[in-house]
Amino acid sequence: MVIDKLKNAPLYYGLGQRFQQALEWLAKVDPDSLTPGQRVDIDGDNVYATRFDVDTKLPANCKLECHRNYADIQYVVSGTEGMGYSLPDAPLKQLSEYTPDIQFFTTDWDTVTVRPGTFYIVWPQDLHAPRVALESPAPVKVIVAKVKLN
């Protein structure tokens, strides 16, 4: 898992060409030019992004998720959210099967505050719960870039 400010994105270009494409795109895109829910193909199914305008949820209403074929780069444009995360050795309870590239779990987890201008990258082994309310539900605007791993 990586958490950093978008201004530091060039530090992560070494993760590979697809990560570089996604991070460069995030740095130059005008979020207001995107419609909420709109998928933007950056490199077809290899790298694409979607803008989400949602309210954060109380922790009790959040589930940990993971992905098999893609890494997520979640970039907070406005608002502040918590990002729940599970330690790698935490005992997990599976809540769903993969459908099509997401699976849900529950366990004890901690939360990191994610403010505007910050992105985080999660790989398949990184169970994460996006859009966690820090005090009470509040609006947040997020762009999620999906980076195909193979």
N, C-alpha and C. Protein backbone atom coordinates (compact mmCIF):
# COMPACT_ATOMS: atom_id res chain seq x y z
N MET A 1 0.84 -1.17 0.00
CA MET A 1 0.00 0.00 0.00
C MET A 1 0.90 1.24 0.00
N VAL A 2 0.48 2.23 -0.77
CA VAL A 2 1.19 3.51 -0.84
C VAL A 2 0.18 4.61 -0.56
N ILE A 3 0.55 5.58 0.24
CA ILE A 3 -0.28 6.77 0.47
C ILE A 3 0.64 7.97 0.33
N ASP A 4 0.26 8.93 -0.54
CA ASP A 4 1.11 10.10 -0.76
C ASP A 4 0.29 11.21 -1.41
N LYS A 5 0.89 12.37 -1.52
CA LYS A 5 0.29 13.51 -2.22
C LYS A 5 0.51 13.35 -3.72
N LEU A 6 -0.44 13.80 -4.52
CA LEU A 6 -0.33 13.68 -5.96
C LEU A 6 0.89 14.42 -6.49
N LYS A 7 1.31 15.48 -5.82
CA LYS A 7 2.49 16.22 -6.28
C LYS A 7 3.75 15.33 -6.24
N ASN A 8 3.72 14.25 -5.48
CA ASN A 8 4.86 13.33 -5.39
C ASN A 8 4.71 12.12 -6.31
N ALA A 9 3.72 12.12 -7.17
CA ALA A 9 3.44 10.97 -8.03
C ALA A 9 4.65 10.51 -8.84
N PRO A 10 5.51 11.39 -9.34
CA PRO A 10 6.66 10.90 -10.12
C PRO A 10 7.55 9.92 -9.36
N LEU A 11 7.50 9.94 -8.04
CA LEU A 11 8.29 8.98 -7.26
C LEU A 11 7.85 7.54 -7.51
N TYR A 12 6.63 7.36 -8.01
CA TYR A 12 6.05 6.03 -8.17
C TYR A 12 5.98 5.56 -9.63
N TYR A 13 6.56 6.34 -10.54
CA TYR A 13 6.56 5.93 -11.95
C TYR A 13 7.32 4.61 -12.14
N GLY A 14 8.25 4.32 -11.27
CA GLY A 14 9.02 3.09 -11.35
C GLY A 14 8.19 1.83 -11.11
N LEU A 15 6.95 1.99 -10.68
CA LEU A 15 6.08 0.82 -10.49
C LEU A 15 5.68 0.20 -11.82
N GLY A 16 5.90 0.94 -12.89
CA GLY A 16 5.60 0.41 -14.22
C GLY A 16 4.89 1.43 -15.09
N GLN A 17 4.89 1.14 -16.38
CA GLN A 17 4.31 2.06 -17.37
C GLN A 17 2.85 2.36 -17.10
N ARG A 18 2.08 1.36 -16.71
CA ARG A 18 0.64 1.59 -16.49
C ARG A 18 0.41 2.49 -15.28
N PHE A 19 1.19 2.29 -14.23
CA PHE A 19 1.08 3.17 -13.06
C PHE A 19 1.45 4.60 -13.45
N GLN A 20 2.51 4.74 -14.24
CA GLN A 20 2.92 6.07 -14.69
C GLN A 20 1.82 6.73 -15.52
N GLN A 21 1.21 5.97 -16.44
CA GLN A 21 0.11 6.51 -17.25
C GLN A 21 -1.02 7.02 -16.36
N ALA A 22 -1.41 6.20 -15.39
CA ALA A 22 -2.52 6.58 -14.51
C ALA A 22 -2.18 7.80 -13.68
N LEU A 23 -0.99 7.83 -13.10
CA LEU A 23 -0.61 8.96 -12.25
C LEU A 23 -0.43 10.24 -13.05
N GLU A 24 0.13 10.15 -14.25
CA GLU A 24 0.25 11.35 -15.09
C GLU A 24 -1.14 11.86 -15.49
N TRP A 25 -2.05 10.95 -15.80
CA TRP A 25 -3.41 11.34 -16.16
C TRP A 25 -4.09 12.03 -14.98
N LEU A 26 -3.96 11.44 -13.77
CA LEU A 26 -4.57 12.05 -12.59
C LEU A 26 -4.03 13.46 -12.35
N ALA A 27 -2.75 13.67 -12.61
CA ALA A 27 -2.13 14.97 -12.36
C ALA A 27 -2.64 16.04 -13.33
N LYS A 28 -3.08 15.64 -14.52
CA LYS A 28 -3.47 16.65 -15.51
C LYS A 28 -4.97 16.78 -15.71
N VAL A 29 -5.76 15.80 -15.29
CA VAL A 29 -7.19 15.83 -15.56
C VAL A 29 -7.88 16.91 -14.71
N ASP A 30 -8.87 17.56 -15.30
CA ASP A 30 -9.75 18.47 -14.57
C ASP A 30 -10.92 17.62 -14.07
N PRO A 31 -10.98 17.34 -12.76
CA PRO A 31 -12.05 16.47 -12.25
C PRO A 31 -13.45 16.95 -12.62
N ASP A 32 -13.62 18.27 -12.75
CA ASP A 32 -14.94 18.80 -13.08
C ASP A 32 -15.32 18.54 -14.53
N SER A 33 -14.37 18.09 -15.35
CA SER A 33 -14.69 17.74 -16.74
C SER A 33 -15.26 16.32 -16.83
N LEU A 34 -15.23 15.60 -15.72
CA LEU A 34 -15.73 14.23 -15.68
C LEU A 34 -17.12 14.19 -15.05
N THR A 35 -17.97 13.37 -15.59
CA THR A 35 -19.30 13.15 -15.03
C THR A 35 -19.20 12.07 -13.97
N PRO A 36 -19.83 12.25 -12.81
CA PRO A 36 -19.80 11.18 -11.81
C PRO A 36 -20.27 9.86 -12.41
N GLY A 37 -19.50 8.80 -12.16
CA GLY A 37 -19.81 7.49 -12.69
C GLY A 37 -19.27 7.21 -14.07
N GLN A 38 -18.73 8.24 -14.71
CA GLN A 38 -18.21 8.10 -16.07
C GLN A 38 -16.87 7.36 -16.06
N ARG A 39 -16.76 6.33 -16.88
CA ARG A 39 -15.50 5.62 -17.05
C ARG A 39 -14.71 6.31 -18.16
N VAL A 40 -13.44 6.57 -17.90
CA VAL A 40 -12.54 7.16 -18.89
C VAL A 40 -11.44 6.14 -19.18
N ASP A 41 -11.35 5.73 -20.42
CA ASP A 41 -10.29 4.80 -20.82
C ASP A 41 -9.01 5.59 -21.04
N ILE A 42 -8.01 5.29 -20.25
CA ILE A 42 -6.69 5.90 -20.40
C ILE A 42 -5.86 5.03 -21.33
N ASP A 43 -5.96 3.72 -21.17
CA ASP A 43 -5.34 2.73 -22.04
C ASP A 43 -6.25 1.50 -22.08
N GLY A 44 -7.47 1.71 -22.56
CA GLY A 44 -8.44 0.63 -22.66
C GLY A 44 -8.68 -0.04 -21.32
N ASP A 45 -8.73 -1.37 -21.31
CA ASP A 45 -8.94 -2.11 -20.07
C ASP A 45 -7.68 -2.20 -19.22
N ASN A 46 -6.54 -1.76 -19.76
CA ASN A 46 -5.29 -1.79 -18.99
C ASN A 46 -5.23 -0.70 -17.93
N VAL A 47 -5.74 0.48 -18.26
CA VAL A 47 -5.76 1.60 -17.32
C VAL A 47 -7.01 2.42 -17.62
N TYR A 48 -7.87 2.56 -16.63
CA TYR A 48 -9.05 3.39 -16.80
C TYR A 48 -9.41 4.02 -15.46
N ALA A 49 -10.27 5.02 -15.50
CA ALA A 49 -10.62 5.75 -14.28
C ALA A 49 -12.10 6.08 -14.26
N THR A 50 -12.61 6.28 -13.04
CA THR A 50 -14.00 6.65 -12.84
C THR A 50 -14.06 7.68 -11.71
N ARG A 51 -14.86 8.70 -11.91
CA ARG A 51 -15.08 9.70 -10.85
C ARG A 51 -16.30 9.28 -10.04
N PHE A 52 -16.16 9.40 -8.70
CA PHE A 52 -17.26 9.10 -7.79
C PHE A 52 -17.55 10.31 -6.92
N ASP A 53 -18.79 10.73 -6.87
CA ASP A 53 -19.25 11.75 -5.94
C ASP A 53 -20.22 11.04 -5.00
N VAL A 54 -19.77 10.77 -3.80
CA VAL A 54 -20.55 9.96 -2.86
C VAL A 54 -20.44 10.54 -1.46
N ASP A 55 -21.23 10.02 -0.57
CA ASP A 55 -21.08 10.36 0.85
C ASP A 55 -20.28 9.24 1.51
N THR A 56 -19.46 9.62 2.46
CA THR A 56 -18.77 8.61 3.25
C THR A 56 -19.80 7.87 4.08
N LYS A 57 -19.42 6.69 4.58
CA LYS A 57 -20.34 5.85 5.34
C LYS A 57 -19.78 5.60 6.74
N LEU A 58 -20.68 5.42 7.67
CA LEU A 58 -20.24 5.06 9.02
C LEU A 58 -19.45 3.76 8.96
N PRO A 59 -18.42 3.61 9.79
CA PRO A 59 -17.58 2.41 9.74
C PRO A 59 -18.37 1.10 9.80
N ALA A 60 -19.46 1.07 10.57
CA ALA A 60 -20.26 -0.15 10.68
C ALA A 60 -20.88 -0.56 9.34
N ASN A 61 -20.99 0.40 8.42
CA ASN A 61 -21.59 0.12 7.11
C ASN A 61 -20.55 -0.10 6.02
N CYS A 62 -19.29 -0.18 6.40
CA CYS A 62 -18.20 -0.35 5.43
C CYS A 62 -17.68 -1.78 5.47
N LYS A 63 -17.22 -2.25 4.31
CA LYS A 63 -16.62 -3.59 4.20
C LYS A 63 -15.24 -3.45 3.58
N LEU A 64 -14.36 -4.33 4.00
CA LEU A 64 -13.06 -4.41 3.36
C LEU A 64 -13.22 -5.07 2.00
N GLU A 65 -12.47 -4.58 1.03
CA GLU A 65 -12.53 -5.14 -0.31
C GLU A 65 -11.13 -5.40 -0.82
N CYS A 66 -11.04 -6.25 -1.82
CA CYS A 66 -9.78 -6.47 -2.52
C CYS A 66 -10.09 -6.80 -3.97
N HIS A 67 -9.07 -6.73 -4.78
CA HIS A 67 -9.20 -6.95 -6.21
C HIS A 67 -8.16 -7.98 -6.65
N ARG A 68 -8.45 -8.70 -7.68
CA ARG A 68 -7.55 -9.76 -8.14
C ARG A 68 -6.72 -9.31 -9.34
N ASN A 69 -7.32 -8.63 -10.29
CA ASN A 69 -6.66 -8.33 -11.56
C ASN A 69 -6.15 -6.90 -11.69
N TYR A 70 -6.57 -6.03 -10.77
CA TYR A 70 -6.22 -4.61 -10.86
C TYR A 70 -5.70 -4.09 -9.52
N ALA A 71 -4.82 -3.12 -9.61
CA ALA A 71 -4.49 -2.29 -8.46
C ALA A 71 -5.38 -1.05 -8.55
N ASP A 72 -5.77 -0.51 -7.43
CA ASP A 72 -6.52 0.75 -7.38
C ASP A 72 -5.57 1.89 -7.07
N ILE A 73 -5.77 3.00 -7.75
CA ILE A 73 -5.19 4.27 -7.32
C ILE A 73 -6.39 5.14 -7.00
N GLN A 74 -6.62 5.41 -5.74
CA GLN A 74 -7.76 6.21 -5.32
C GLN A 74 -7.25 7.60 -4.95
N TYR A 75 -7.78 8.60 -5.64
CA TYR A 75 -7.35 9.99 -5.48
C TYR A 75 -8.50 10.83 -4.95
N VAL A 76 -8.32 11.43 -3.79
CA VAL A 76 -9.36 12.26 -3.19
C VAL A 76 -9.25 13.68 -3.75
N VAL A 77 -10.29 14.10 -4.46
CA VAL A 77 -10.34 15.42 -5.08
C VAL A 77 -10.86 16.45 -4.08
N SER A 78 -11.95 16.12 -3.40
CA SER A 78 -12.50 17.04 -2.41
C SER A 78 -13.18 16.24 -1.32
N GLY A 79 -13.29 16.87 -0.16
CA GLY A 79 -13.82 16.18 1.00
C GLY A 79 -12.68 15.42 1.67
N THR A 80 -12.99 14.79 2.77
CA THR A 80 -12.02 13.99 3.51
C THR A 80 -12.68 12.67 3.87
N GLU A 81 -11.93 11.60 3.69
CA GLU A 81 -12.48 10.28 4.00
C GLU A 81 -11.47 9.49 4.81
N GLY A 82 -11.98 8.48 5.44
CA GLY A 82 -11.10 7.49 6.05
C GLY A 82 -10.92 6.34 5.08
N MET A 83 -9.77 5.71 5.14
CA MET A 83 -9.53 4.51 4.36
C MET A 83 -9.20 3.42 5.37
N GLY A 84 -10.09 2.45 5.47
CA GLY A 84 -9.86 1.35 6.37
C GLY A 84 -8.88 0.36 5.76
N TYR A 85 -8.06 -0.25 6.60
CA TYR A 85 -7.10 -1.23 6.09
C TYR A 85 -6.93 -2.34 7.13
N SER A 86 -6.66 -3.51 6.62
CA SER A 86 -6.43 -4.68 7.46
C SER A 86 -4.96 -5.06 7.39
N LEU A 87 -4.41 -5.48 8.49
CA LEU A 87 -3.05 -5.98 8.49
C LEU A 87 -3.01 -7.32 7.78
N PRO A 88 -1.89 -7.65 7.13
CA PRO A 88 -1.83 -8.88 6.33
C PRO A 88 -2.14 -10.17 7.10
N ASP A 89 -1.88 -10.22 8.39
CA ASP A 89 -2.10 -11.46 9.13
C ASP A 89 -3.39 -11.46 9.95
N ALA A 90 -4.28 -10.50 9.70
CA ALA A 90 -5.54 -10.43 10.44
C ALA A 90 -6.45 -11.60 10.05
N PRO A 91 -7.17 -12.17 11.02
CA PRO A 91 -8.11 -13.25 10.68
C PRO A 91 -9.29 -12.67 9.90
N LEU A 92 -9.59 -13.25 8.76
CA LEU A 92 -10.60 -12.70 7.86
C LEU A 92 -11.84 -13.56 7.81
N LYS A 93 -12.98 -12.91 7.62
CA LYS A 93 -14.22 -13.61 7.32
C LYS A 93 -14.65 -13.17 5.93
N GLN A 94 -14.70 -14.12 5.01
CA GLN A 94 -15.08 -13.83 3.63
C GLN A 94 -16.58 -13.55 3.58
N LEU A 95 -16.95 -12.45 2.92
CA LEU A 95 -18.36 -12.08 2.79
C LEU A 95 -18.93 -12.35 1.40
N SER A 96 -18.02 -12.52 0.40
CA SER A 96 -18.49 -12.74 -0.97
C SER A 96 -17.42 -13.46 -1.77
N GLU A 97 -17.83 -13.94 -2.94
CA GLU A 97 -16.89 -14.45 -3.93
C GLU A 97 -16.48 -13.27 -4.81
N TYR A 98 -15.45 -13.46 -5.64
CA TYR A 98 -15.08 -12.41 -6.60
C TYR A 98 -16.19 -12.25 -7.62
N THR A 99 -16.63 -11.00 -7.83
CA THR A 99 -17.61 -10.67 -8.86
C THR A 99 -17.39 -9.26 -9.35
N PRO A 100 -16.98 -8.97 -10.56
CA PRO A 100 -16.04 -9.77 -11.33
C PRO A 100 -14.59 -9.56 -10.85
N ASP A 101 -14.27 -8.39 -10.31
CA ASP A 101 -12.90 -8.19 -9.80
C ASP A 101 -12.93 -7.54 -8.43
N ILE A 102 -13.90 -7.92 -7.62
CA ILE A 102 -13.98 -7.38 -6.27
C ILE A 102 -14.49 -8.48 -5.35
N GLN A 103 -13.94 -8.52 -4.16
CA GLN A 103 -14.37 -9.47 -3.15
C GLN A 103 -14.39 -8.74 -1.82
N PHE A 104 -15.34 -9.10 -0.95
CA PHE A 104 -15.51 -8.41 0.32
C PHE A 104 -15.19 -9.33 1.50
N PHE A 105 -14.64 -8.71 2.55
CA PHE A 105 -14.26 -9.40 3.77
C PHE A 105 -14.61 -8.53 4.97
N THR A 106 -14.53 -9.13 6.14
CA THR A 106 -14.63 -8.37 7.37
C THR A 106 -13.57 -8.88 8.34
N THR A 107 -13.09 -8.00 9.15
CA THR A 107 -12.14 -8.28 10.23
C THR A 107 -11.97 -6.98 11.00
N ASP A 108 -11.16 -6.99 12.02
CA ASP A 108 -10.82 -5.73 12.69
C ASP A 108 -9.91 -4.94 11.75
N TRP A 109 -10.11 -3.62 11.71
CA TRP A 109 -9.28 -2.81 10.85
C TRP A 109 -9.05 -1.44 11.45
N ASP A 110 -8.02 -0.79 10.94
CA ASP A 110 -7.67 0.58 11.34
C ASP A 110 -8.01 1.53 10.21
N THR A 111 -7.97 2.83 10.49
CA THR A 111 -8.34 3.84 9.51
C THR A 111 -7.24 4.89 9.38
N VAL A 112 -6.98 5.28 8.14
CA VAL A 112 -6.07 6.38 7.83
C VAL A 112 -6.91 7.50 7.24
N THR A 113 -6.65 8.74 7.62
CA THR A 113 -7.35 9.89 7.05
C THR A 113 -6.74 10.25 5.70
N VAL A 114 -7.60 10.42 4.69
CA VAL A 114 -7.16 10.76 3.35
C VAL A 114 -7.80 12.10 2.98
N ARG A 115 -6.94 13.10 2.79
CA ARG A 115 -7.40 14.47 2.51
C ARG A 115 -7.28 14.80 1.02
N PRO A 116 -7.89 15.90 0.58
CA PRO A 116 -7.79 16.29 -0.83
C PRO A 116 -6.33 16.42 -1.27
N GLY A 117 -6.08 15.98 -2.50
CA GLY A 117 -4.73 16.03 -3.05
C GLY A 117 -3.92 14.79 -2.74
N THR A 118 -4.51 13.85 -2.00
CA THR A 118 -3.82 12.63 -1.60
C THR A 118 -4.36 11.45 -2.41
N PHE A 119 -3.46 10.54 -2.77
CA PHE A 119 -3.86 9.30 -3.43
C PHE A 119 -3.32 8.13 -2.62
N TYR A 120 -3.94 7.00 -2.82
CA TYR A 120 -3.37 5.77 -2.28
C TYR A 120 -3.50 4.67 -3.32
N ILE A 121 -2.50 3.79 -3.29
CA ILE A 121 -2.46 2.65 -4.20
C ILE A 121 -2.62 1.39 -3.37
N VAL A 122 -3.53 0.53 -3.80
CA VAL A 122 -3.72 -0.76 -3.13
C VAL A 122 -3.61 -1.87 -4.17
N TRP A 123 -2.89 -2.92 -3.78
CA TRP A 123 -2.70 -4.10 -4.61
C TRP A 123 -3.66 -5.19 -4.12
N PRO A 124 -3.73 -6.34 -4.84
CA PRO A 124 -4.67 -7.39 -4.45
C PRO A 124 -4.56 -7.84 -2.99
N GLN A 125 -3.39 -7.85 -2.42
CA GLN A 125 -3.24 -8.30 -1.03
C GLN A 125 -3.63 -7.23 -0.01
N ASP A 126 -3.93 -6.02 -0.47
CA ASP A 126 -4.25 -4.91 0.43
C ASP A 126 -5.76 -4.78 0.61
N LEU A 127 -6.29 -5.40 1.67
CA LEU A 127 -7.70 -5.23 1.95
C LEU A 127 -7.93 -3.81 2.44
N HIS A 128 -8.89 -3.13 1.82
CA HIS A 128 -9.12 -1.72 2.12
C HIS A 128 -10.62 -1.43 2.11
N ALA A 129 -11.01 -0.44 2.88
CA ALA A 129 -12.40 0.01 2.94
C ALA A 129 -12.41 1.49 2.60
N PRO A 130 -12.75 1.85 1.37
CA PRO A 130 -12.79 3.26 1.00
C PRO A 130 -14.03 3.96 1.56
N ARG A 131 -13.98 5.27 1.60
CA ARG A 131 -15.12 6.14 1.93
C ARG A 131 -15.67 5.93 3.33
N VAL A 132 -14.78 5.78 4.28
CA VAL A 132 -15.18 5.64 5.68
C VAL A 132 -15.38 7.03 6.28
N ALA A 133 -16.52 7.26 6.90
CA ALA A 133 -16.78 8.54 7.56
C ALA A 133 -15.87 8.68 8.77
N LEU A 134 -15.30 9.86 8.92
CA LEU A 134 -14.40 10.09 10.05
C LEU A 134 -15.16 10.46 11.31
N GLU A 135 -16.21 11.23 11.19
CA GLU A 135 -17.08 11.56 12.33
C GLU A 135 -18.52 11.24 11.96
N SER A 136 -18.98 11.89 10.91
CA SER A 136 -20.32 11.61 10.39
C SER A 136 -20.23 11.61 8.87
N PRO A 137 -21.19 10.98 8.20
CA PRO A 137 -21.14 10.94 6.74
C PRO A 137 -21.03 12.35 6.15
N ALA A 138 -20.21 12.46 5.11
CA ALA A 138 -19.96 13.75 4.46
C ALA A 138 -19.64 13.49 2.99
N PRO A 139 -19.90 14.48 2.13
CA PRO A 139 -19.62 14.28 0.70
C PRO A 139 -18.12 14.22 0.43
N VAL A 140 -17.78 13.39 -0.54
CA VAL A 140 -16.39 13.25 -0.99
C VAL A 140 -16.41 13.03 -2.50
N LYS A 141 -15.43 13.62 -3.18
CA LYS A 141 -15.26 13.41 -4.62
C LYS A 141 -13.93 12.68 -4.79
N VAL A 142 -14.00 11.50 -5.44
CA VAL A 142 -12.84 10.64 -5.59
C VAL A 142 -12.74 10.18 -7.04
N ILE A 143 -11.52 10.10 -7.55
CA ILE A 143 -11.29 9.46 -8.85
C ILE A 143 -10.52 8.17 -8.56
N VAL A 144 -11.07 7.08 -9.07
CA VAL A 144 -10.42 5.77 -8.90
C VAL A 144 -9.86 5.34 -10.25
N ALA A 145 -8.54 5.18 -10.32
CA ALA A 145 -7.89 4.64 -11.50
C ALA A 145 -7.62 3.17 -11.26
N LYS A 146 -7.96 2.35 -12.22
CA LYS A 146 -7.73 0.91 -12.15
C LYS A 146 -6.55 0.59 -13.07
N VAL A 147 -5.55 -0.10 -12.51
CA VAL A 147 -4.34 -0.45 -13.26
C VAL A 147 -4.26 -1.96 -13.35
N LYS A 148 -4.37 -2.49 -14.56
CA LYS A 148 -4.31 -3.94 -14.75
C LYS A 148 -2.91 -4.45 -14.42
N LEU A 149 -2.86 -5.54 -13.68
CA LEU A 149 -1.58 -6.04 -13.19
C LEU A 149 -0.90 -7.01 -14.15
N ASN A 150 -1.61 -7.73 -14.97
CA ASN A 150 -0.99 -8.68 -15.89
C ASN A 150 -1.43 -8.43 -17.31
